[in-house]
Amino acid sequence: AGIARAARQRRAAAALARVGLAHLA
């Protein structure tokens, strides 16, 4: 989607946390 690298990691981690999978990242 063209999101910058730094923002990608932050947004991906936040999304995994929202679905309850932060521990399986």
PDB file of all heavy atoms in Angstrom:
ATOM      1  N   ALA A   1       0.818  -1.221   0.000  1.00  0.00           N
ATOM      2  CA  ALA A   1       0.000   0.000   0.000  1.00  0.00           C
ATOM      3  C   ALA A   1       0.847   1.265   0.000  1.00  0.00           C
ATOM      4  O   ALA A   1       0.304   2.369  -0.008  1.00  0.00           O
ATOM      5  CB  ALA A   1      -0.932   0.004   1.203  1.00  0.00           C
ATOM      6  N   GLY A   2       2.174   1.115   0.023  1.00  0.00           N
ATOM      7  CA  GLY A   2       3.062   2.270  -0.048  1.00  0.00           C
ATOM      8  C   GLY A   2       3.339   2.954   1.278  1.00  0.00           C
ATOM      9  O   GLY A   2       3.792   4.098   1.304  1.00  0.00           O
ATOM     10  N   ILE A   3       3.095   2.249   2.388  1.00  0.00           N
ATOM     11  CA  ILE A   3       3.341   2.830   3.711  1.00  0.00           C
ATOM     12  C   ILE A   3       4.835   2.745   4.032  1.00  0.00           C
ATOM     13  O   ILE A   3       5.480   1.730   3.793  1.00  0.00           O
ATOM     14  CB  ILE A   3       2.530   2.081   4.788  1.00  0.00           C
ATOM     15  CG1 ILE A   3       1.043   2.060   4.416  1.00  0.00           C
ATOM     16  CG2 ILE A   3       2.737   2.705   6.159  1.00  0.00           C
ATOM     17  CD1 ILE A   3       0.414   3.421   4.257  1.00  0.00           C
ATOM     18  N   ALA A   4       5.385   3.820   4.593  1.00  0.00           N
ATOM     19  CA  ALA A   4       6.816   3.884   4.918  1.00  0.00           C
ATOM     20  C   ALA A   4       7.198   2.800   5.922  1.00  0.00           C
ATOM     21  O   ALA A   4       6.384   2.387   6.754  1.00  0.00           O
ATOM     22  CB  ALA A   4       7.165   5.257   5.472  1.00  0.00           C
ATOM     23  N   ARG A   5       8.450   2.343   5.867  1.00  0.00           N
ATOM     24  CA  ARG A   5       8.905   1.209   6.667  1.00  0.00           C
ATOM     25  C   ARG A   5       8.633   1.400   8.162  1.00  0.00           C
ATOM     26  O   ARG A   5       8.117   0.502   8.824  1.00  0.00           O
ATOM     27  CB  ARG A   5      10.404   0.989   6.449  1.00  0.00           C
ATOM     28  CG  ARG A   5      10.965  -0.185   7.275  1.00  0.00           C
ATOM     29  CD  ARG A   5      12.484  -0.232   7.144  1.00  0.00           C
ATOM     30  NE  ARG A   5      12.890  -0.556   5.797  1.00  0.00           N
ATOM     31  CZ  ARG A   5      13.112  -1.788   5.357  1.00  0.00           C
ATOM     32  NH1 ARG A   5      12.968  -2.813   6.166  1.00  0.00           N
ATOM     33  NH2 ARG A   5      13.488  -2.002   4.118  1.00  0.00           N
ATOM     34  N   ALA A   6       8.999   2.553   8.717  1.00  0.00           N
ATOM     35  CA  ALA A   6       8.824   2.768  10.160  1.00  0.00           C
ATOM     36  C   ALA A   6       7.356   2.667  10.558  1.00  0.00           C
ATOM     37  O   ALA A   6       7.004   2.051  11.567  1.00  0.00           O
ATOM     38  CB  ALA A   6       9.393   4.121  10.561  1.00  0.00           C
ATOM     39  N   ALA A   7       6.494   3.265   9.754  1.00  0.00           N
ATOM     40  CA  ALA A   7       5.065   3.223  10.045  1.00  0.00           C
ATOM     41  C   ALA A   7       4.513   1.812   9.852  1.00  0.00           C
ATOM     42  O   ALA A   7       3.593   1.395  10.578  1.00  0.00           O
ATOM     43  CB  ALA A   7       4.315   4.207   9.154  1.00  0.00           C
ATOM     44  N   ARG A   8       5.080   1.059   8.917  1.00  0.00           N
ATOM     45  CA  ARG A   8       4.606  -0.307   8.671  1.00  0.00           C
ATOM     46  C   ARG A   8       4.728  -1.167   9.918  1.00  0.00           C
ATOM     47  O   ARG A   8       3.791  -1.866  10.302  1.00  0.00           O
ATOM     48  CB  ARG A   8       5.405  -0.967   7.535  1.00  0.00           C
ATOM     49  CG  ARG A   8       5.118  -0.426   6.168  1.00  0.00           C
ATOM     50  CD  ARG A   8       5.507  -1.425   5.091  1.00  0.00           C
ATOM     51  NE  ARG A   8       6.899  -1.798   5.059  1.00  0.00           N
ATOM     52  CZ  ARG A   8       7.812  -1.234   4.283  1.00  0.00           C
ATOM     53  NH1 ARG A   8       7.481  -0.210   3.502  1.00  0.00           N
ATOM     54  NH2 ARG A   8       9.055  -1.681   4.275  1.00  0.00           N
ATOM     55  N   GLN A   9       5.888  -1.141  10.542  1.00  0.00           N
ATOM     56  CA  GLN A   9       6.104  -1.987  11.717  1.00  0.00           C
ATOM     57  C   GLN A   9       5.170  -1.597  12.857  1.00  0.00           C
ATOM     58  O   GLN A   9       4.607  -2.452  13.539  1.00  0.00           O
ATOM     59  CB  GLN A   9       7.561  -1.904  12.165  1.00  0.00           C
ATOM     60  CG  GLN A   9       8.549  -2.490  11.156  1.00  0.00           C
ATOM     61  CD  GLN A   9       8.264  -3.953  10.874  1.00  0.00           C
ATOM     62  OE1 GLN A   9       7.825  -4.321   9.777  1.00  0.00           O
ATOM     63  NE2 GLN A   9       8.509  -4.813  11.855  1.00  0.00           N
ATOM     64  N   ARG A  10       5.018  -0.313  13.059  1.00  0.00           N
ATOM     65  CA  ARG A  10       4.150   0.158  14.138  1.00  0.00           C
ATOM     66  C   ARG A  10       2.700  -0.233  13.893  1.00  0.00           C
ATOM     67  O   ARG A  10       2.024  -0.761  14.786  1.00  0.00           O
ATOM     68  CB  ARG A  10       4.274   1.685  14.260  1.00  0.00           C
ATOM     69  CG  ARG A  10       3.312   2.318  15.264  1.00  0.00           C
ATOM     70  CD  ARG A  10       3.502   3.819  15.344  1.00  0.00           C
ATOM     71  NE  ARG A  10       3.469   4.468  14.051  1.00  0.00           N
ATOM     72  CZ  ARG A  10       2.363   4.737  13.365  1.00  0.00           C
ATOM     73  NH1 ARG A  10       1.177   4.390  13.872  1.00  0.00           N
ATOM     74  NH2 ARG A  10       2.408   5.346  12.196  1.00  0.00           N
ATOM     75  N   ARG A  11       2.221   0.007  12.690  1.00  0.00           N
ATOM     76  CA  ARG A  11       0.827  -0.296  12.375  1.00  0.00           C
ATOM     77  C   ARG A  11       0.558  -1.804  12.358  1.00  0.00           C
ATOM     78  O   ARG A  11      -0.505  -2.263  12.791  1.00  0.00           O
ATOM     79  CB  ARG A  11       0.437   0.348  11.043  1.00  0.00           C
ATOM     80  CG  ARG A  11       0.213   1.845  11.173  1.00  0.00           C
ATOM     81  CD  ARG A  11       0.013   2.551   9.865  1.00  0.00           C
ATOM     82  NE  ARG A  11      -1.112   2.056   9.079  1.00  0.00           N
ATOM     83  CZ  ARG A  11      -1.573   2.672   7.992  1.00  0.00           C
ATOM     84  NH1 ARG A  11      -0.994   3.807   7.582  1.00  0.00           N
ATOM     85  NH2 ARG A  11      -2.592   2.177   7.307  1.00  0.00           N
ATOM     86  N   ALA A  12       1.528  -2.569  11.881  1.00  0.00           N
ATOM     87  CA  ALA A  12       1.357  -4.023  11.852  1.00  0.00           C
ATOM     88  C   ALA A  12       1.281  -4.580  13.268  1.00  0.00           C
ATOM     89  O   ALA A  12       0.437  -5.431  13.571  1.00  0.00           O
ATOM     90  CB  ALA A  12       2.498  -4.672  11.075  1.00  0.00           C
ATOM     91  N   ALA A  13       2.155  -4.105  14.142  1.00  0.00           N
ATOM     92  CA  ALA A  13       2.150  -4.578  15.525  1.00  0.00           C
ATOM     93  C   ALA A  13       0.845  -4.197  16.225  1.00  0.00           C
ATOM     94  O   ALA A  13       0.267  -4.998  16.976  1.00  0.00           O
ATOM     95  CB  ALA A  13       3.347  -4.009  16.272  1.00  0.00           C
ATOM     96  N   ALA A  14       0.369  -2.982  15.970  1.00  0.00           N
ATOM     97  CA  ALA A  14      -0.880  -2.543  16.591  1.00  0.00           C
ATOM     98  C   ALA A  14      -2.060  -3.371  16.101  1.00  0.00           C
ATOM     99  O   ALA A  14      -2.954  -3.735  16.875  1.00  0.00           O
ATOM    100  CB  ALA A  14      -1.109  -1.055  16.284  1.00  0.00           C
ATOM    101  N   ALA A  15      -2.068  -3.701  14.809  1.00  0.00           N
ATOM    102  CA  ALA A  15      -3.163  -4.495  14.253  1.00  0.00           C
ATOM    103  C   ALA A  15      -3.169  -5.903  14.832  1.00  0.00           C
ATOM    104  O   ALA A  15      -4.228  -6.442  15.170  1.00  0.00           O
ATOM    105  CB  ALA A  15      -3.057  -4.542  12.730  1.00  0.00           C
ATOM    106  N   LEU A  16      -1.993  -6.506  14.979  1.00  0.00           N
ATOM    107  CA  LEU A  16      -1.926  -7.834  15.591  1.00  0.00           C
ATOM    108  C   LEU A  16      -2.407  -7.795  17.037  1.00  0.00           C
ATOM    109  O   LEU A  16      -3.089  -8.718  17.500  1.00  0.00           O
ATOM    110  CB  LEU A  16      -0.492  -8.380  15.532  1.00  0.00           C
ATOM    111  CG  LEU A  16      -0.069  -9.051  14.234  1.00  0.00           C
ATOM    112  CD1 LEU A  16       1.380  -9.514  14.348  1.00  0.00           C
ATOM    113  CD2 LEU A  16      -0.967 -10.233  13.877  1.00  0.00           C
ATOM    114  N   ALA A  17      -2.076  -6.748  17.744  1.00  0.00           N
ATOM    115  CA  ALA A  17      -2.543  -6.616  19.128  1.00  0.00           C
ATOM    116  C   ALA A  17      -4.062  -6.514  19.181  1.00  0.00           C
ATOM    117  O   ALA A  17      -4.708  -7.099  20.059  1.00  0.00           O
ATOM    118  CB  ALA A  17      -1.900  -5.399  19.782  1.00  0.00           C
ATOM    119  N   ARG A  18      -4.654  -5.799  18.233  1.00  0.00           N
ATOM    120  CA  ARG A  18      -6.111  -5.630  18.227  1.00  0.00           C
ATOM    121  C   ARG A  18      -6.843  -6.943  17.991  1.00  0.00           C
ATOM    122  O   ARG A  18      -7.977  -7.107  18.439  1.00  0.00           O
ATOM    123  CB  ARG A  18      -6.524  -4.589  17.175  1.00  0.00           C
ATOM    124  CG  ARG A  18      -6.176  -3.156  17.546  1.00  0.00           C
ATOM    125  CD  ARG A  18      -6.936  -2.165  16.678  1.00  0.00           C
ATOM    126  NE  ARG A  18      -6.543  -2.248  15.283  1.00  0.00           N
ATOM    127  CZ  ARG A  18      -5.598  -1.513  14.716  1.00  0.00           C
ATOM    128  NH1 ARG A  18      -4.923  -0.632  15.439  1.00  0.00           N
ATOM    129  NH2 ARG A  18      -5.312  -1.641  13.429  1.00  0.00           N
ATOM    130  N   VAL A  19      -6.201  -7.875  17.274  1.00  0.00           N
ATOM    131  CA  VAL A  19      -6.856  -9.174  17.047  1.00  0.00           C
ATOM    132  C   VAL A  19      -6.380 -10.229  18.043  1.00  0.00           C
ATOM    133  O   VAL A  19      -6.672 -11.414  17.902  1.00  0.00           O
ATOM    134  CB  VAL A  19      -6.643  -9.666  15.599  1.00  0.00           C
ATOM    135  CG1 VAL A  19      -7.180  -8.652  14.598  1.00  0.00           C
ATOM    136  CG2 VAL A  19      -5.184 -10.003  15.317  1.00  0.00           C
ATOM    137  N   GLY A  20      -5.634  -9.804  19.066  1.00  0.00           N
ATOM    138  CA  GLY A  20      -5.229 -10.709  20.136  1.00  0.00           C
ATOM    139  C   GLY A  20      -4.075 -11.623  19.809  1.00  0.00           C
ATOM    140  O   GLY A  20      -3.932 -12.688  20.429  1.00  0.00           O
ATOM    141  N   LEU A  21      -3.205 -11.218  18.871  1.00  0.00           N
ATOM    142  CA  LEU A  21      -2.109 -12.086  18.452  1.00  0.00           C
ATOM    143  C   LEU A  21      -0.732 -11.458  18.645  1.00  0.00           C
ATOM    144  O   LEU A  21       0.240 -11.892  18.030  1.00  0.00           O
ATOM    145  CB  LEU A  21      -2.281 -12.484  16.977  1.00  0.00           C
ATOM    146  CG  LEU A  21      -3.470 -13.379  16.642  1.00  0.00           C
ATOM    147  CD1 LEU A  21      -3.495 -13.668  15.145  1.00  0.00           C
ATOM    148  CD2 LEU A  21      -3.414 -14.673  17.433  1.00  0.00           C
ATOM    149  N   ALA A  22      -0.630 -10.472  19.513  1.00  0.00           N
ATOM    150  CA  ALA A  22       0.671  -9.828  19.728  1.00  0.00           C
ATOM    151  C   ALA A  22       1.718 -10.840  20.178  1.00  0.00           C
ATOM    152  O   ALA A  22       2.890 -10.753  19.803  1.00  0.00           O
ATOM    153  CB  ALA A  22       0.539  -8.704  20.757  1.00  0.00           C
ATOM    154  N   HIS A  23       1.287 -11.833  20.945  1.00  0.00           N
ATOM    155  CA  HIS A  23       2.230 -12.824  21.470  1.00  0.00           C
ATOM    156  C   HIS A  23       2.729 -13.790  20.396  1.00  0.00           C
ATOM    157  O   HIS A  23       3.698 -14.527  20.623  1.00  0.00           O
ATOM    158  CB  HIS A  23       1.581 -13.615  22.608  1.00  0.00           C
ATOM    159  CG  HIS A  23       0.392 -14.409  22.193  1.00  0.00           C
ATOM    160  ND1 HIS A  23      -0.780 -13.831  21.725  1.00  0.00           N
ATOM    161  CD2 HIS A  23       0.171 -15.755  22.173  1.00  0.00           C
ATOM    162  CE1 HIS A  23      -1.662 -14.778  21.440  1.00  0.00           C
ATOM    163  NE2 HIS A  23      -1.104 -15.950  21.694  1.00  0.00           N
ATOM    164  N   LEU A  24       2.081 -13.770  19.229  1.00  0.00           N
ATOM    165  CA  LEU A  24       2.499 -14.656  18.137  1.00  0.00           C
ATOM    166  C   LEU A  24       3.105 -13.883  16.966  1.00  0.00           C
ATOM    167  O   LEU A  24       3.259 -14.434  15.872  1.00  0.00           O
ATOM    168  CB  LEU A  24       1.294 -15.473  17.633  1.00  0.00           C
ATOM    169  CG  LEU A  24       0.658 -16.428  18.642  1.00  0.00           C
ATOM    170  CD1 LEU A  24      -0.535 -17.132  18.025  1.00  0.00           C
ATOM    171  CD2 LEU A  24       1.678 -17.445  19.141  1.00  0.00           C
ATOM    172  N   ALA A  25       3.487 -12.645  17.206  1.00  0.00           N
ATOM    173  CA  ALA A  25       3.980 -11.793  16.121  1.00  0.00           C
ATOM    174  C   ALA A  25       5.172 -12.399  15.396  1.00  0.00           C
ATOM    175  O   ALA A  25       5.297 -12.288  14.168  1.00  0.00           O
ATOM    176  CB  ALA A  25       4.336 -10.405  16.654  1.00  0.00           C
TER     177      ALA A  25
END
